[in-house]
Amino acid sequence: MDNSDYRQGIFFGINSGIITTTGLLAGIAQTTNNPIVIIISIVSLAISDGVSEAYSLYISKKAEEPDDTSHGPLYSFNGLILTKIITALTFLLPLLFTKSLKHYKDLSWPLIWSIIVLSIMDYKISKIRKEKMSKYIVPHILLVVFIMFITKFFAYLLSKHE
């Protein structure tokens, strides 16, 4: 087994799980007071986006090397689908303790959780590549904040026209 294929899926899944779920929450949490809507949205995202991205990575790896008969694409698929689903579902943790959406609406939970998980991931990749962590964490934080701002703003605009 080539660990690089599995590792590729894991890093892709964590990155995508954090960024897409944060964006979803920044938008949807502004428009609902119902925790069930948040749960359904995150679970739906975890499953549909997880499967879609994992299969897309599998197909793109098959197309990249048409003569490759290894299980690499399957390892990438498995790594991505598992981490994407798990990562997205971790955003539901606050709802285990409270039904309040306060930490979703003020975006403190998505932002703090994103920074924690991405920092761990960026630390790992910087060690693997023997590079400075700042090369990864700074763009990640900027990207997450940008996505949160844009999706929250978009939700705000649309909610004004209900």
Protein backbone atom coordinates (compact mmCIF):
# COMPACT_ATOMS: atom_id res chain seq x y z
CA MET A 1 0.00 0.00 0.00
CA ASP A 2 1.27 3.43 -0.94
CA ASN A 3 0.63 5.70 2.04
CA SER A 4 0.83 8.80 -0.15
CA ASP A 5 -2.51 7.97 -1.78
CA TYR A 6 -4.25 7.44 1.54
CA ARG A 7 -2.56 10.54 2.98
CA GLN A 8 -3.73 12.56 -0.03
CA GLY A 9 -7.33 11.56 0.69
CA ILE A 10 -6.99 12.33 4.39
CA PHE A 11 -5.54 15.81 3.87
CA PHE A 12 -8.06 16.57 1.13
CA GLY A 13 -10.95 15.36 3.31
CA ILE A 14 -9.94 17.36 6.38
CA ASN A 15 -9.31 20.53 4.38
CA SER A 16 -12.53 20.25 2.44
CA GLY A 17 -14.55 19.18 5.48
CA ILE A 18 -13.45 22.22 7.44
CA ILE A 19 -13.83 24.78 4.69
CA THR A 20 -17.15 23.63 3.24
CA THR A 21 -18.80 23.04 6.61
CA THR A 22 -17.62 26.39 7.93
CA GLY A 23 -19.04 28.09 4.85
CA LEU A 24 -22.32 26.24 5.19
CA LEU A 25 -22.64 27.19 8.85
CA ALA A 26 -21.72 30.82 8.26
CA GLY A 27 -24.63 31.06 5.85
CA ILE A 28 -27.31 28.79 7.23
CA ALA A 29 -26.89 29.62 10.93
CA GLN A 30 -27.82 33.20 10.12
CA THR A 31 -31.19 32.18 8.72
CA THR A 32 -32.52 29.65 11.23
CA ASN A 33 -33.17 29.22 14.93
CA ASN A 34 -33.85 25.51 14.56
CA PRO A 35 -31.03 23.13 15.55
CA ILE A 36 -32.61 20.37 13.43
CA VAL A 37 -31.98 22.46 10.30
CA ILE A 38 -28.30 22.73 11.26
CA ILE A 39 -28.07 18.98 11.93
CA ILE A 40 -29.78 18.03 8.67
CA SER A 41 -27.64 20.47 6.69
CA ILE A 42 -24.35 19.23 8.13
CA VAL A 43 -25.25 15.55 7.81
CA SER A 44 -26.43 16.10 4.23
CA LEU A 45 -23.24 17.97 3.40
CA ALA A 46 -21.06 15.32 5.03
CA ILE A 47 -22.64 12.50 3.06
CA SER A 48 -23.31 14.09 -0.32
CA ASP A 49 -20.16 16.19 -0.55
CA GLY A 50 -18.03 13.45 0.99
CA VAL A 51 -19.14 10.83 -1.51
CA SER A 52 -19.02 13.28 -4.43
CA GLU A 53 -15.51 14.49 -3.68
CA ALA A 54 -14.17 11.03 -2.89
CA TYR A 55 -15.48 9.59 -6.13
CA SER A 56 -14.28 12.63 -8.07
CA LEU A 57 -10.78 12.17 -6.64
CA TYR A 58 -10.94 8.45 -7.49
CA ILE A 59 -11.93 9.18 -11.10
CA SER A 60 -9.37 11.97 -11.52
CA LYS A 61 -6.59 9.70 -10.21
CA LYS A 62 -7.68 7.00 -12.68
CA ALA A 63 -7.58 9.55 -15.50
CA GLU A 64 -4.21 10.92 -14.36
CA GLU A 65 -2.43 7.60 -14.91
CA PRO A 66 -4.49 5.48 -17.35
CA ASP A 67 -2.06 2.54 -17.18
CA ASP A 68 -1.89 2.48 -13.37
CA THR A 69 -3.58 -0.66 -12.02
CA SER A 70 -2.67 -0.05 -8.37
CA HIS A 71 -5.17 0.49 -5.57
CA GLY A 72 -3.91 4.05 -5.06
CA PRO A 73 -7.10 5.71 -6.28
CA LEU A 74 -9.15 3.50 -3.97
CA TYR A 75 -6.92 4.41 -0.99
CA SER A 76 -7.38 8.09 -1.79
CA PHE A 77 -11.14 7.53 -2.05
CA ASN A 78 -11.24 5.81 1.35
CA GLY A 79 -9.06 8.42 3.06
CA LEU A 80 -11.12 11.29 1.69
CA ILE A 81 -14.59 9.91 2.35
CA LEU A 82 -13.80 8.92 5.93
CA THR A 83 -12.13 12.17 6.92
CA LYS A 84 -14.59 14.41 5.07
CA ILE A 85 -17.60 12.83 6.78
CA ILE A 86 -15.99 12.72 10.22
CA THR A 87 -14.63 16.27 9.94
CA ALA A 88 -17.98 17.71 8.86
CA LEU A 89 -19.83 15.87 11.63
CA THR A 90 -17.49 17.26 14.32
CA PHE A 91 -19.13 20.64 13.78
CA LEU A 92 -22.20 19.19 15.52
CA LEU A 93 -20.36 18.75 18.85
CA PRO A 94 -21.85 21.85 20.55
CA LEU A 95 -25.36 20.49 19.93
CA LEU A 96 -24.55 17.52 22.16
CA PHE A 97 -24.45 19.91 25.10
CA THR A 98 -26.98 22.60 24.23
CA LYS A 99 -29.73 23.28 21.74
CA SER A 100 -28.69 26.92 21.58
CA LEU A 101 -27.35 28.11 18.26
CA LYS A 102 -25.51 31.05 19.83
CA HIS A 103 -22.04 29.66 19.03
CA TYR A 104 -23.11 29.00 15.45
CA LYS A 105 -24.76 32.38 14.92
CA ASP A 106 -21.82 34.38 16.25
CA LEU A 107 -19.54 32.02 14.28
CA SER A 108 -17.27 31.46 17.29
CA TRP A 109 -17.56 27.66 17.13
CA PRO A 110 -16.93 27.30 13.37
CA LEU A 111 -14.00 29.72 13.49
CA ILE A 112 -12.32 28.27 16.59
CA TRP A 113 -12.85 24.67 15.48
CA SER A 114 -11.57 25.46 11.98
CA ILE A 115 -8.41 27.05 13.32
CA ILE A 116 -7.75 24.14 15.71
CA VAL A 117 -8.21 21.41 13.10
CA LEU A 118 -6.42 23.27 10.31
CA SER A 119 -3.52 24.10 12.65
CA ILE A 120 -3.05 20.41 13.43
CA MET A 121 -3.25 19.50 9.77
CA ASP A 122 -0.89 22.31 8.76
CA TYR A 123 1.56 21.29 11.46
CA LYS A 124 1.55 17.72 10.11
CA ILE A 125 2.03 18.73 6.49
CA SER A 126 4.77 21.22 7.37
CA LYS A 127 6.62 18.43 9.19
CA ILE A 128 6.15 16.00 6.30
CA ARG A 129 7.44 18.59 3.83
CA LYS A 130 10.02 20.10 6.22
CA GLU A 131 8.64 23.59 5.65
CA LYS A 132 7.43 26.39 7.89
CA MET A 133 3.91 25.94 9.22
CA SER A 134 3.11 29.58 8.46
CA LYS A 135 3.25 28.72 4.76
CA TYR A 136 0.06 26.71 5.29
CA ILE A 137 -1.77 28.16 8.29
CA VAL A 138 -1.82 31.79 7.15
CA PRO A 139 -3.56 31.04 3.82
CA HIS A 140 -5.90 28.62 5.59
CA ILE A 141 -7.02 31.19 8.16
CA LEU A 142 -7.45 33.85 5.49
CA LEU A 143 -9.48 31.44 3.37
CA VAL A 144 -11.74 30.39 6.24
CA VAL A 145 -12.36 34.00 7.31
CA PHE A 146 -13.05 35.02 3.71
CA ILE A 147 -15.52 32.15 3.20
CA MET A 148 -17.23 32.90 6.51
CA PHE A 149 -17.57 36.57 5.61
CA ILE A 150 -18.87 35.95 2.08
CA THR A 151 -21.40 33.27 3.02
CA LYS A 152 -22.63 35.19 6.07
CA PHE A 153 -23.02 38.32 3.96
CA PHE A 154 -24.84 36.37 1.24
CA ALA A 155 -27.21 34.85 3.83
CA TYR A 156 -27.80 38.29 5.30
CA LEU A 157 -28.69 39.73 1.89
CA LEU A 158 -31.05 36.91 1.04
CA SER A 159 -32.74 36.95 4.44
CA LYS A 160 -33.58 40.63 3.89
CA HIS A 161 -35.63 39.65 0.83
CA GLU A 162 -37.80 36.95 2.37
